[in-house]
């Protein structure tokens, strides 16, 4: 049974984990992009058991504006970029912003994989941003968290420019990005996970979470992350420690460790791969105890990367739209 510790205890555990053990292993930092996870590689893996699927390509939508390669934060000489997608016709009042975080095991994948999702949501009236973040080939946990929180702060800093209501900012992510979206939802403005770069006067809190097949816990009995028996796991690369070497940092990196009465409404959209939503039921239990709305949508026969393909892409868009309209009373 999973036992949730108080948030203060998790702060202490994380601090001790990084101070009392050998330094995080840097062997995974190659300085070169890892291209092992792409939409096409996911398709080749998924089509074996789902022969009727098709890759969702980028759309040409006349009613939206797309702006690429916007710098949202500079860390030394490193410029972190995002792309923006929003309605061409400015709404009468500020609207909802959605930060869409890509997956790939915190090591691979890229922001362009969710361009179709950003386009379709922008067509519905949302302002969407697809950020890059430092992967484990470049920097270890919690660097990626610092980056994504900086992206949230950038949205707040530029809310007027993009006609965004700062009380309607959504963290949405797929797979590793889903885990990070949930982490944003549970650790908004926690100093330990804020970093020191870019618009630090702004809040990193989000007002809703959409977790698409992202784990809620790295150490939950349902979790499959951390098996290094055949090859180094994605988590081991990201944390710089195998789970058995430093289980505390694996727990401190889990959204389930921080879920509370301050966590925003959350939508879970899940595949048939149960380990990808490890800890979800325990997470929802805490939300229910605090009367916080949550919703689960399952695709019982879908592969993990379902949101990149039809026949699941459009229903995913519909679920997101319905959920956000419900919680924001749109």
Protein backbone atom coordinates (compact mmCIF):
# COMPACT_ATOMS: atom_id res chain seq x y z
CA UNK A 1 0.00 0.00 0.00
CA UNK A 2 1.26 3.46 -0.90
CA UNK A 3 1.81 5.74 2.08
CA UNK A 4 1.77 9.48 1.39
CA UNK A 5 4.07 11.60 3.55
CA UNK A 6 3.38 15.19 4.59
CA UNK A 7 4.74 17.77 2.15
CA UNK A 8 7.22 19.09 4.72
CA UNK A 9 8.65 15.58 5.06
CA UNK A 10 9.02 15.35 1.29
CA UNK A 11 11.03 18.59 1.31
CA UNK A 12 13.33 17.08 3.93
CA UNK A 13 13.65 13.80 2.04
CA UNK A 14 14.54 15.56 -1.21
CA UNK A 15 17.10 17.79 0.50
CA UNK A 16 18.72 14.82 2.22
CA UNK A 17 18.63 12.76 -0.96
CA UNK A 18 20.72 15.26 -2.88
CA UNK A 19 23.05 16.17 0.00
CA UNK A 20 24.00 12.90 1.67
CA UNK A 21 24.55 10.61 -1.32
CA UNK A 22 27.14 10.71 -4.12
CA UNK A 23 26.43 13.28 -6.80
CA UNK A 24 23.91 12.46 -9.49
CA UNK A 25 25.45 10.35 -12.24
CA UNK A 26 26.19 12.38 -15.37
CA UNK A 27 26.68 9.41 -17.66
CA UNK A 28 23.37 10.08 -19.38
CA UNK A 29 24.30 13.63 -20.31
CA UNK A 30 25.55 13.23 -23.86
CA UNK A 31 24.93 16.73 -25.16
CA UNK A 32 23.29 15.14 -28.19
CA UNK A 33 19.56 14.81 -28.91
CA UNK A 34 18.04 11.39 -28.28
CA UNK A 35 15.76 10.66 -31.23
CA UNK A 36 14.61 7.23 -30.08
CA UNK A 37 11.05 8.44 -29.47
CA UNK A 38 9.33 10.08 -32.41
CA UNK A 39 5.79 10.03 -33.68
CA UNK A 40 6.85 7.64 -36.42
CA UNK A 41 8.70 5.26 -34.09
CA UNK A 42 5.64 5.27 -31.83
CA UNK A 43 3.49 4.50 -34.87
CA UNK A 44 5.67 1.55 -35.88
CA UNK A 45 5.39 0.16 -32.36
CA UNK A 46 1.65 0.79 -32.03
CA UNK A 47 0.49 -0.35 -35.47
CA UNK A 48 1.55 -3.91 -34.67
CA UNK A 49 -1.45 -4.32 -32.40
CA UNK A 50 -3.61 -1.54 -33.86
CA UNK A 51 -3.39 -1.91 -37.65
CA UNK A 52 -6.04 0.68 -38.45
CA UNK A 53 -4.36 3.70 -36.84
CA UNK A 54 -3.15 6.79 -38.70
CA UNK A 55 -0.68 9.49 -37.68
CA UNK A 56 -2.29 12.88 -37.13
CA UNK A 57 -0.50 15.41 -39.34
CA UNK A 58 -0.28 19.16 -38.84
CA UNK A 59 -3.32 21.13 -39.97
CA UNK A 60 -3.74 24.28 -42.03
CA UNK A 61 -6.31 26.28 -40.06
CA UNK A 62 -7.05 29.78 -41.40
CA UNK A 63 -8.68 30.95 -38.16
CA UNK A 64 -5.56 30.61 -36.00
CA UNK A 65 -2.18 32.33 -35.73
CA UNK A 66 1.01 30.35 -35.23
CA UNK A 67 4.25 31.87 -33.98
CA UNK A 68 7.36 29.74 -33.59
CA UNK A 69 10.68 29.81 -31.77
CA UNK A 70 9.73 32.30 -29.08
CA UNK A 71 12.30 32.49 -26.29
CA UNK A 72 10.58 32.03 -22.95
CA UNK A 73 13.67 31.81 -20.76
CA UNK A 74 17.45 32.18 -21.11
CA UNK A 75 19.76 30.18 -18.87
CA UNK A 76 23.27 31.39 -19.53
CA UNK A 77 23.71 31.01 -23.27
CA UNK A 78 20.84 28.51 -23.52
CA UNK A 79 17.62 29.89 -24.97
CA UNK A 80 14.51 27.85 -24.23
CA UNK A 81 11.91 28.10 -26.99
CA UNK A 82 8.19 27.60 -27.35
CA UNK A 83 5.61 27.92 -30.12
CA UNK A 84 2.30 29.74 -29.75
CA UNK A 85 -1.08 28.93 -31.33
CA UNK A 86 -4.08 31.17 -30.80
CA UNK A 87 -7.26 32.44 -32.49
CA UNK A 88 -6.80 35.08 -35.17
CA UNK A 89 -9.88 36.95 -33.95
CA UNK A 90 -9.29 38.37 -30.51
CA UNK A 91 -12.01 37.39 -28.06
CA UNK A 92 -13.94 40.05 -26.16
CA UNK A 93 -12.41 38.87 -22.88
CA UNK A 94 -9.22 37.01 -21.96
CA UNK A 95 -9.39 33.24 -22.35
CA UNK A 96 -7.81 29.98 -21.30
CA UNK A 97 -4.13 29.20 -21.90
CA UNK A 98 -2.86 25.64 -22.28
CA UNK A 99 0.79 24.66 -21.90
CA UNK A 100 1.27 21.39 -23.80
CA UNK A 101 4.25 19.36 -22.54
CA UNK A 102 5.65 16.62 -24.77
CA UNK A 103 6.63 13.12 -23.69
CA UNK A 104 9.58 10.89 -24.44
CA UNK A 105 10.81 9.63 -21.10
CA UNK A 106 12.29 13.00 -20.05
CA UNK A 107 15.02 12.16 -22.58
CA UNK A 108 13.56 12.12 -26.08
CA UNK A 109 10.56 13.52 -27.98
CA UNK A 110 10.05 17.14 -28.98
CA UNK A 111 7.52 19.94 -28.82
CA UNK A 112 6.53 19.61 -32.49
CA UNK A 113 4.81 16.28 -31.82
CA UNK A 114 1.86 18.13 -30.27
CA UNK A 115 1.51 20.81 -32.91
CA UNK A 116 -1.71 19.20 -34.24
CA UNK A 117 -3.20 19.16 -30.72
CA UNK A 118 -2.27 22.81 -30.18
CA UNK A 119 -3.77 23.74 -33.55
CA UNK A 120 -7.06 21.98 -32.92
CA UNK A 121 -7.42 23.44 -29.41
CA UNK A 122 -6.58 26.91 -30.74
CA UNK A 123 -9.31 26.45 -33.33
CA UNK A 124 -11.71 25.97 -30.40
CA UNK A 125 -10.63 29.28 -28.88
CA UNK A 126 -7.76 28.29 -26.56
CA UNK A 127 -4.32 29.89 -26.54
CA UNK A 128 -1.78 27.08 -26.65
CA UNK A 129 1.96 26.97 -26.07
CA UNK A 130 4.27 24.04 -26.82
CA UNK A 131 7.60 24.46 -24.96
CA UNK A 132 10.87 22.65 -25.20
CA UNK A 133 12.62 21.83 -21.95
CA UNK A 134 16.01 20.46 -20.98
CA UNK A 135 15.98 16.70 -21.39
CA UNK A 136 18.16 14.24 -19.49
CA UNK A 137 20.72 14.31 -22.30
CA UNK A 138 21.36 17.91 -21.25
CA UNK A 139 20.46 18.29 -17.56
CA UNK A 140 19.14 16.17 -14.71
CA UNK A 141 16.03 16.47 -12.55
CA UNK A 142 14.74 18.96 -11.51
CA UNK A 143 16.01 21.11 -14.43
CA UNK A 144 13.07 20.17 -16.67
CA UNK A 145 10.67 21.14 -13.88
CA UNK A 146 12.41 24.50 -13.50
CA UNK A 147 12.02 25.05 -17.25
CA UNK A 148 8.33 24.21 -17.43
CA UNK A 149 7.59 26.38 -14.41
CA UNK A 150 9.47 29.20 -16.12
CA UNK A 151 7.17 28.68 -19.12
CA UNK A 152 4.11 29.07 -16.88
CA UNK A 153 5.57 32.26 -15.44
CA UNK A 154 6.28 33.50 -18.97
CA UNK A 155 2.62 32.98 -19.88
CA UNK A 156 1.59 35.10 -16.91
CA UNK A 157 4.14 37.77 -17.81
CA UNK A 158 2.75 37.90 -21.36
CA UNK A 159 -0.92 37.34 -20.54
CA UNK A 160 -2.08 40.66 -21.95
CA UNK A 161 -0.22 40.17 -25.22
CA UNK A 162 -1.86 36.78 -25.79
CA UNK A 163 -5.24 37.69 -24.28
CA UNK A 164 -4.90 35.13 -21.47
CA UNK A 165 -6.93 35.03 -18.28
CA UNK A 166 -4.30 34.27 -15.61
CA UNK A 167 -6.91 32.44 -13.55
CA UNK A 168 -7.31 29.94 -16.39
CA UNK A 169 -3.87 28.48 -17.05
CA UNK A 170 -3.73 24.76 -17.78
CA UNK A 171 -0.81 22.33 -17.60
CA UNK A 172 -1.38 19.56 -20.13
CA UNK A 173 1.10 16.83 -20.92
CA UNK A 174 1.51 13.42 -22.46
CA UNK A 175 3.50 10.57 -20.86
CA UNK A 176 6.59 12.16 -19.26
CA UNK A 177 4.88 15.47 -20.00
CA UNK A 178 1.76 14.21 -18.21
CA UNK A 179 3.83 13.43 -15.15
CA UNK A 180 5.30 16.95 -15.29
CA UNK A 181 1.88 18.52 -15.78
CA UNK A 182 0.67 16.76 -12.63
CA UNK A 183 3.85 17.82 -10.83
CA UNK A 184 3.14 21.44 -11.78
CA UNK A 185 -0.38 21.05 -10.46
CA UNK A 186 0.82 19.79 -7.09
CA UNK A 187 3.94 21.92 -6.52
CA UNK A 188 3.01 25.39 -7.73
CA UNK A 189 5.27 28.05 -6.17
CA UNK A 190 7.18 25.54 -4.00
CA UNK A 191 10.64 27.17 -3.67
CA UNK A 192 12.50 23.87 -3.93
CA UNK A 193 11.15 23.29 -7.44
CA UNK A 194 11.00 26.84 -8.82
CA UNK A 195 14.53 27.46 -10.05
CA UNK A 196 16.03 30.94 -10.12
CA UNK A 197 15.60 31.91 -13.76
CA UNK A 198 13.10 34.06 -15.62
CA UNK A 199 10.08 36.03 -14.37
CA UNK A 200 10.47 34.77 -10.82
CA UNK A 201 8.11 37.51 -9.62
CA UNK A 202 5.27 35.64 -11.34
CA UNK A 203 3.37 32.63 -9.98
CA UNK A 204 4.06 29.16 -11.39
CA UNK A 205 0.71 27.85 -10.17
CA UNK A 206 -1.74 26.36 -12.64
CA UNK A 207 -5.52 26.26 -12.51
CA UNK A 208 -6.14 22.86 -14.11
CA UNK A 209 -4.21 19.76 -15.09
CA UNK A 210 -4.70 17.41 -18.02
CA UNK A 211 -2.58 14.29 -17.58
CA UNK A 212 -2.49 12.09 -20.68
CA UNK A 213 -1.03 8.74 -19.63
CA UNK A 214 1.56 10.21 -17.30
CA UNK A 215 2.54 8.39 -14.11
CA UNK A 216 1.59 9.92 -10.75
CA UNK A 217 4.28 8.08 -8.83
CA UNK A 218 7.64 6.53 -9.58
CA UNK A 219 7.55 4.37 -6.45
CA UNK A 220 3.93 3.22 -6.31
CA UNK A 221 3.36 -0.57 -6.45
CA UNK A 222 1.66 -0.06 -9.83
CA UNK A 223 4.67 1.74 -11.32
CA UNK A 224 6.87 0.02 -13.88
CA UNK A 225 9.50 2.73 -14.01
CA UNK A 226 13.02 2.03 -12.74
CA UNK A 227 13.78 -1.46 -14.11
CA UNK A 228 17.42 -1.28 -15.18
CA UNK A 229 17.86 -5.04 -15.67
CA UNK A 230 17.98 -4.86 -19.49
CA UNK A 231 18.91 -1.24 -20.09
CA UNK A 232 19.08 1.99 -18.14
CA UNK A 233 15.56 3.22 -17.47
CA UNK A 234 14.33 6.66 -18.40
CA UNK A 235 13.89 7.55 -14.74
CA UNK A 236 17.43 6.48 -13.85
CA UNK A 237 18.82 8.72 -16.57
CA UNK A 238 16.65 11.65 -15.42
CA UNK A 239 17.35 11.37 -11.71
CA UNK A 240 20.99 10.37 -12.01
CA UNK A 241 20.35 7.55 -9.56
CA UNK A 242 18.92 4.07 -9.91
CA UNK A 243 15.81 3.59 -7.81
CA UNK A 244 17.60 1.23 -5.40
CA UNK A 245 20.45 3.76 -4.98
CA UNK A 246 18.23 6.67 -4.00
CA UNK A 247 14.52 5.82 -3.70
CA UNK A 248 13.96 9.09 -1.83
CA UNK A 249 14.57 11.25 -4.89
CA UNK A 250 12.25 9.02 -6.93
CA UNK A 251 9.51 9.57 -4.36
CA UNK A 252 10.25 13.29 -4.07
CA UNK A 253 9.81 13.59 -7.86
CA UNK A 254 6.36 11.96 -7.78
CA UNK A 255 3.26 14.18 -8.09
CA UNK A 256 1.41 11.84 -5.71
CA UNK A 257 3.75 12.95 -2.93
CA UNK A 258 2.31 16.48 -3.03
CA UNK A 259 -1.36 16.17 -4.00
CA UNK A 260 -3.44 18.17 -1.52
CA UNK A 261 -6.39 20.48 -1.07
CA UNK A 262 -4.52 23.04 -3.19
CA UNK A 263 -4.26 20.80 -6.25
CA UNK A 264 -6.40 22.06 -9.14
CA UNK A 265 -9.10 20.07 -10.99
CA UNK A 266 -7.52 17.27 -12.98
CA UNK A 267 -8.45 15.31 -16.08
CA UNK A 268 -6.83 11.92 -16.67
CA UNK A 269 -6.94 10.51 -20.19
CA UNK A 270 -5.52 7.02 -20.24
CA UNK A 271 -4.55 4.17 -22.52
CA UNK A 272 -4.78 0.45 -21.81
CA UNK A 273 -1.24 0.46 -20.36
CA UNK A 274 -1.94 0.44 -16.63
CA UNK A 275 1.59 1.21 -15.42
CA UNK A 276 1.40 4.57 -17.22
CA UNK A 277 -1.18 5.81 -14.73
CA UNK A 278 0.39 4.41 -11.59
CA UNK A 279 -0.95 6.11 -8.48
CA UNK A 280 -3.94 7.65 -10.23
CA UNK A 281 -6.57 6.16 -7.92
CA UNK A 282 -4.69 7.27 -4.79
CA UNK A 283 -4.29 10.73 -6.32
CA UNK A 284 -8.02 10.94 -7.02
CA UNK A 285 -8.80 9.80 -3.48
CA UNK A 286 -7.02 12.86 -2.10
CA UNK A 287 -8.83 15.12 -4.57
CA UNK A 288 -12.16 13.62 -3.53
CA UNK A 289 -11.35 14.13 0.15
CA UNK A 290 -10.88 17.82 -0.64
CA UNK A 291 -13.92 18.13 -2.92
CA UNK A 292 -11.74 18.85 -5.95
CA UNK A 293 -13.19 17.82 -9.28
CA UNK A 294 -11.49 15.13 -11.33
CA UNK A 295 -12.41 13.09 -14.34
CA UNK A 296 -11.07 9.90 -15.92
CA UNK A 297 -11.44 9.03 -19.58
CA UNK A 298 -10.11 5.64 -20.67
CA UNK A 299 -9.43 4.20 -24.10
CA UNK A 300 -9.49 0.50 -23.16
CA UNK A 301 -7.75 -0.81 -26.30
CA UNK A 302 -5.42 2.11 -26.99
CA UNK A 303 -1.61 1.97 -27.01
CA UNK A 304 0.40 4.36 -24.86
CA UNK A 305 0.97 6.92 -27.65
CA UNK A 306 -2.72 7.04 -28.59
CA UNK A 307 -3.03 10.84 -28.58
CA UNK A 308 -0.74 11.07 -31.62
CA UNK A 309 -3.05 8.89 -33.73
CA UNK A 310 -6.57 8.53 -34.97
CA UNK A 311 -9.03 7.13 -33.99
CA UNK A 312 -8.13 8.57 -30.55
CA UNK A 313 -6.87 12.06 -31.38
CA UNK A 314 -10.22 13.78 -31.97
CA UNK A 315 -11.92 12.19 -28.94
CA UNK A 316 -8.94 13.38 -26.86
CA UNK A 317 -9.48 16.93 -28.12
CA UNK A 318 -13.17 16.64 -27.28
CA UNK A 319 -12.48 15.36 -23.74
CA UNK A 320 -10.09 18.24 -23.06
CA UNK A 321 -12.52 20.84 -24.38
CA UNK A 322 -15.45 19.41 -22.41
CA UNK A 323 -13.44 19.26 -19.17
CA UNK A 324 -12.15 22.83 -19.46
CA UNK A 325 -15.57 24.22 -20.30
CA UNK A 326 -16.96 22.43 -17.26
CA UNK A 327 -14.41 23.66 -14.71
CA UNK A 328 -14.08 27.18 -16.07
CA UNK A 329 -17.82 27.56 -16.71
CA UNK A 330 -17.26 28.56 -20.32
